[in-house]
Amino acid sequence: MKTGQRIVAMAFGGTLCLATSAALSAAEFWSPVTMKPMMAASFDAGTKRVVSYFLDGDGDCKLTLMIGERSRDEQDGAPPAAPLKVAVEADTTASLDTEEGKSLQFACKAGAQAMTATVIDRVAFYPAAK
């Protein structure tokens, strides 16, 4: 193999390694968290920290979100975040978008027995083709 071919082969191999590690990171980032009623879950979405939980409300998920700045969470005496309450019907989703291009997607499962929460990076997000 000539020197030029070796350089191209090494560059291609390096690109494959980087693509594989990026795909693994993205898979971890997109992993949904399953919540049960009254189970709190915390998410970092850009500069925001979101703490959430839900209750069963006649078969729908009554989601409560508390959104604050991450830097404020670490300071003593920081004011608590005001709760935001959202009703999510069973078998539907609700999304919360941030200024930094991140979204939190909450999916209410049938019978409001569980919710999944997923952090999504909207910068490289494309809807599935129909």
C-alpha atoms as a PDB file:
ATOM      1  CA  MET A   1       0.000   0.000   0.000  1.00  0.00           C
ATOM      2  CA  LYS A   2       1.341   3.432  -0.926  1.00  0.00           C
ATOM      3  CA  THR A   3       1.774   6.231   1.592  1.00  0.00           C
ATOM      4  CA  GLY A   4      -1.170   8.222   0.180  1.00  0.00           C
ATOM      5  CA  GLN A   5      -3.441   5.174   0.424  1.00  0.00           C
ATOM      6  CA  ARG A   6      -2.335   4.587   4.039  1.00  0.00           C
ATOM      7  CA  ILE A   7      -3.153   8.175   4.978  1.00  0.00           C
ATOM      8  CA  VAL A   8      -6.606   7.894   3.389  1.00  0.00           C
ATOM      9  CA  ALA A   9      -7.227   4.560   5.138  1.00  0.00           C
ATOM     10  CA  MET A  10      -6.184   5.981   8.533  1.00  0.00           C
ATOM     11  CA  ALA A  11      -8.331   9.086   8.045  1.00  0.00           C
ATOM     12  CA  PHE A  12     -11.315   6.929   7.090  1.00  0.00           C
ATOM     13  CA  GLY A  13     -10.743   4.661  10.104  1.00  0.00           C
ATOM     14  CA  GLY A  14     -10.507   7.679  12.428  1.00  0.00           C
ATOM     15  CA  THR A  15     -13.735   9.072  11.000  1.00  0.00           C
ATOM     16  CA  LEU A  16     -15.483   5.757  11.637  1.00  0.00           C
ATOM     17  CA  CYS A  17     -14.253   5.735  15.258  1.00  0.00           C
ATOM     18  CA  LEU A  18     -15.515   9.279  15.825  1.00  0.00           C
ATOM     19  CA  ALA A  19     -18.870   8.522  14.217  1.00  0.00           C
ATOM     20  CA  THR A  20     -19.299   5.425  16.366  1.00  0.00           C
ATOM     21  CA  SER A  21     -18.513   7.255  19.615  1.00  0.00           C
ATOM     22  CA  ALA A  22     -20.842  10.135  18.640  1.00  0.00           C
ATOM     23  CA  ALA A  23     -23.642   7.665  17.939  1.00  0.00           C
ATOM     24  CA  LEU A  24     -23.135   6.041  21.328  1.00  0.00           C
ATOM     25  CA  SER A  25     -23.287   9.425  23.058  1.00  0.00           C
ATOM     26  CA  ALA A  26     -26.463  10.316  21.179  1.00  0.00           C
ATOM     27  CA  ALA A  27     -28.052   7.008  22.184  1.00  0.00           C
ATOM     28  CA  GLU A  28     -27.372   7.762  25.850  1.00  0.00           C
ATOM     29  CA  PHE A  29     -28.662  11.298  25.467  1.00  0.00           C
ATOM     30  CA  TRP A  30     -31.936  10.138  23.922  1.00  0.00           C
ATOM     31  CA  SER A  31     -32.598   7.378  26.473  1.00  0.00           C
ATOM     32  CA  PRO A  32     -36.022   7.936  28.032  1.00  0.00           C
ATOM     33  CA  VAL A  33     -36.546   7.937  31.792  1.00  0.00           C
ATOM     34  CA  THR A  34     -39.643   6.059  32.997  1.00  0.00           C
ATOM     35  CA  MET A  35     -41.456   7.683  35.901  1.00  0.00           C
ATOM     36  CA  LYS A  36     -44.148   6.182  38.112  1.00  0.00           C
ATOM     37  CA  PRO A  37     -46.766   8.336  39.904  1.00  0.00           C
ATOM     38  CA  MET A  38     -45.149  10.586  42.574  1.00  0.00           C
ATOM     39  CA  MET A  39     -41.635   9.614  41.410  1.00  0.00           C
ATOM     40  CA  ALA A  40     -39.514  12.725  40.855  1.00  0.00           C
ATOM     41  CA  ALA A  41     -37.091  13.006  37.967  1.00  0.00           C
ATOM     42  CA  SER A  42     -34.531  15.760  37.346  1.00  0.00           C
ATOM     43  CA  PHE A  43     -33.191  16.851  33.952  1.00  0.00           C
ATOM     44  CA  ASP A  44     -30.603  19.361  32.788  1.00  0.00           C
ATOM     45  CA  ALA A  45     -31.694  21.073  29.579  1.00  0.00           C
ATOM     46  CA  GLY A  46     -29.110  23.673  28.620  1.00  0.00           C
ATOM     47  CA  THR A  47     -28.908  26.296  31.383  1.00  0.00           C
ATOM     48  CA  LYS A  48     -32.187  25.071  32.891  1.00  0.00           C
ATOM     49  CA  ARG A  49     -32.791  22.390  35.500  1.00  0.00           C
ATOM     50  CA  VAL A  50     -36.216  20.750  35.404  1.00  0.00           C
ATOM     51  CA  VAL A  51     -37.621  18.672  38.249  1.00  0.00           C
ATOM     52  CA  SER A  52     -40.842  16.832  37.437  1.00  0.00           C
ATOM     53  CA  TYR A  53     -43.355  14.370  38.828  1.00  0.00           C
ATOM     54  CA  PHE A  54     -46.896  13.334  37.927  1.00  0.00           C
ATOM     55  CA  LEU A  55     -50.092  12.084  39.502  1.00  0.00           C
ATOM     56  CA  ASP A  56     -52.857   9.912  38.078  1.00  0.00           C
ATOM     57  CA  GLY A  57     -55.823  12.179  37.360  1.00  0.00           C
ATOM     58  CA  ASP A  58     -58.713   9.953  36.227  1.00  0.00           C
ATOM     59  CA  GLY A  59     -56.581   8.138  33.665  1.00  0.00           C
ATOM     60  CA  ASP A  60     -54.616  11.225  32.540  1.00  0.00           C
ATOM     61  CA  CYS A  61     -51.194  12.331  33.754  1.00  0.00           C
ATOM     62  CA  LYS A  62     -51.203  15.478  35.868  1.00  0.00           C
ATOM     63  CA  LEU A  63     -47.597  16.577  35.274  1.00  0.00           C
ATOM     64  CA  THR A  64     -45.904  19.117  37.546  1.00  0.00           C
ATOM     65  CA  LEU A  65     -42.684  20.804  36.397  1.00  0.00           C
ATOM     66  CA  MET A  66     -40.385  23.077  38.375  1.00  0.00           C
ATOM     67  CA  ILE A  67     -37.985  24.947  36.110  1.00  0.00           C
ATOM     68  CA  GLY A  68     -35.010  26.946  37.349  1.00  0.00           C
ATOM     69  CA  GLU A  69     -31.600  28.143  36.325  1.00  0.00           C
ATOM     70  CA  ARG A  70     -28.893  25.563  36.992  1.00  0.00           C
ATOM     71  CA  SER A  71     -26.511  28.173  38.390  1.00  0.00           C
ATOM     72  CA  ARG A  72     -29.185  29.369  40.872  1.00  0.00           C
ATOM     73  CA  ASP A  73     -29.788  25.796  42.084  1.00  0.00           C
ATOM     74  CA  GLU A  74     -26.224  25.663  43.359  1.00  0.00           C
ATOM     75  CA  GLN A  75     -26.441  28.947  45.327  1.00  0.00           C
ATOM     76  CA  ASP A  76     -27.611  29.118  48.916  1.00  0.00           C
ATOM     77  CA  GLY A  77     -30.858  30.996  49.387  1.00  0.00           C
ATOM     78  CA  ALA A  78     -31.926  30.741  45.738  1.00  0.00           C
ATOM     79  CA  PRO A  79     -35.674  31.282  45.311  1.00  0.00           C
ATOM     80  CA  PRO A  80     -37.590  28.073  44.578  1.00  0.00           C
ATOM     81  CA  ALA A  81     -38.897  27.546  41.077  1.00  0.00           C
ATOM     82  CA  ALA A  82     -42.635  28.079  40.638  1.00  0.00           C
ATOM     83  CA  PRO A  83     -44.493  24.879  39.684  1.00  0.00           C
ATOM     84  CA  LEU A  84     -46.002  24.580  36.219  1.00  0.00           C
ATOM     85  CA  LYS A  85     -48.885  22.094  36.015  1.00  0.00           C
ATOM     86  CA  VAL A  86     -49.854  20.408  32.746  1.00  0.00           C
ATOM     87  CA  ALA A  87     -52.547  17.817  32.052  1.00  0.00           C
ATOM     88  CA  VAL A  88     -51.322  15.221  29.547  1.00  0.00           C
ATOM     89  CA  GLU A  89     -53.956  12.853  28.182  1.00  0.00           C
ATOM     90  CA  ALA A  90     -53.194   9.134  28.167  1.00  0.00           C
ATOM     91  CA  ASP A  91     -51.288   7.946  25.081  1.00  0.00           C
ATOM     92  CA  THR A  92     -50.239  11.501  24.128  1.00  0.00           C
ATOM     93  CA  THR A  93     -47.113  13.605  24.624  1.00  0.00           C
ATOM     94  CA  ALA A  94     -46.298  17.117  25.788  1.00  0.00           C
ATOM     95  CA  SER A  95     -43.083  18.976  24.962  1.00  0.00           C
ATOM     96  CA  LEU A  96     -41.185  21.748  26.696  1.00  0.00           C
ATOM     97  CA  ASP A  97     -38.698  23.654  24.533  1.00  0.00           C
ATOM     98  CA  THR A  98     -35.747  25.670  25.834  1.00  0.00           C
ATOM     99  CA  GLU A  99     -33.886  28.583  24.298  1.00  0.00           C
ATOM    100  CA  GLU A 100     -30.758  26.464  23.910  1.00  0.00           C
ATOM    101  CA  GLY A 101     -32.301  24.087  21.359  1.00  0.00           C
ATOM    102  CA  LYS A 102     -33.237  21.338  23.786  1.00  0.00           C
ATOM    103  CA  SER A 103     -36.675  19.853  24.367  1.00  0.00           C
ATOM    104  CA  LEU A 104     -38.128  17.700  27.095  1.00  0.00           C
ATOM    105  CA  GLN A 105     -40.800  15.335  25.838  1.00  0.00           C
ATOM    106  CA  PHE A 106     -43.207  13.738  28.324  1.00  0.00           C
ATOM    107  CA  ALA A 107     -45.343  10.789  27.165  1.00  0.00           C
ATOM    108  CA  CYS A 108     -48.293   9.631  29.288  1.00  0.00           C
ATOM    109  CA  LYS A 109     -48.806   5.874  29.088  1.00  0.00           C
ATOM    110  CA  ALA A 110     -52.249   4.230  29.059  1.00  0.00           C
ATOM    111  CA  GLY A 111     -54.067   4.485  32.376  1.00  0.00           C
ATOM    112  CA  ALA A 112     -51.537   7.078  33.655  1.00  0.00           C
ATOM    113  CA  GLN A 113     -49.533   4.307  35.302  1.00  0.00           C
ATOM    114  CA  ALA A 114     -46.245   5.627  33.902  1.00  0.00           C
ATOM    115  CA  MET A 115     -44.692   8.521  32.000  1.00  0.00           C
ATOM    116  CA  THR A 116     -41.549   8.587  29.939  1.00  0.00           C
ATOM    117  CA  ALA A 117     -39.414  11.717  29.795  1.00  0.00           C
ATOM    118  CA  THR A 118     -36.827  12.210  27.080  1.00  0.00           C
ATOM    119  CA  VAL A 119     -34.318  15.020  26.545  1.00  0.00           C
ATOM    120  CA  ILE A 120     -34.059  15.823  22.841  1.00  0.00           C
ATOM    121  CA  ASP A 121     -31.468  17.981  21.110  1.00  0.00           C
ATOM    122  CA  ARG A 122     -33.494  19.877  18.485  1.00  0.00           C
ATOM    123  CA  VAL A 123     -30.460  21.170  16.592  1.00  0.00           C
ATOM    124  CA  ALA A 124     -30.097  17.970  14.563  1.00  0.00           C
ATOM    125  CA  PHE A 125     -33.682  16.732  14.862  1.00  0.00           C
ATOM    126  CA  TYR A 126     -35.646  15.896  11.728  1.00  0.00           C
ATOM    127  CA  PRO A 127     -39.169  14.433  11.819  1.00  0.00           C
ATOM    128  CA  ALA A 128     -39.587  10.952  10.392  1.00  0.00           C
ATOM    129  CA  ALA A 129     -40.656  10.817   6.756  1.00  0.00           C
ATOM    130  CA  LYS A 130     -44.221   9.693   6.213  1.00  0.00           C
END
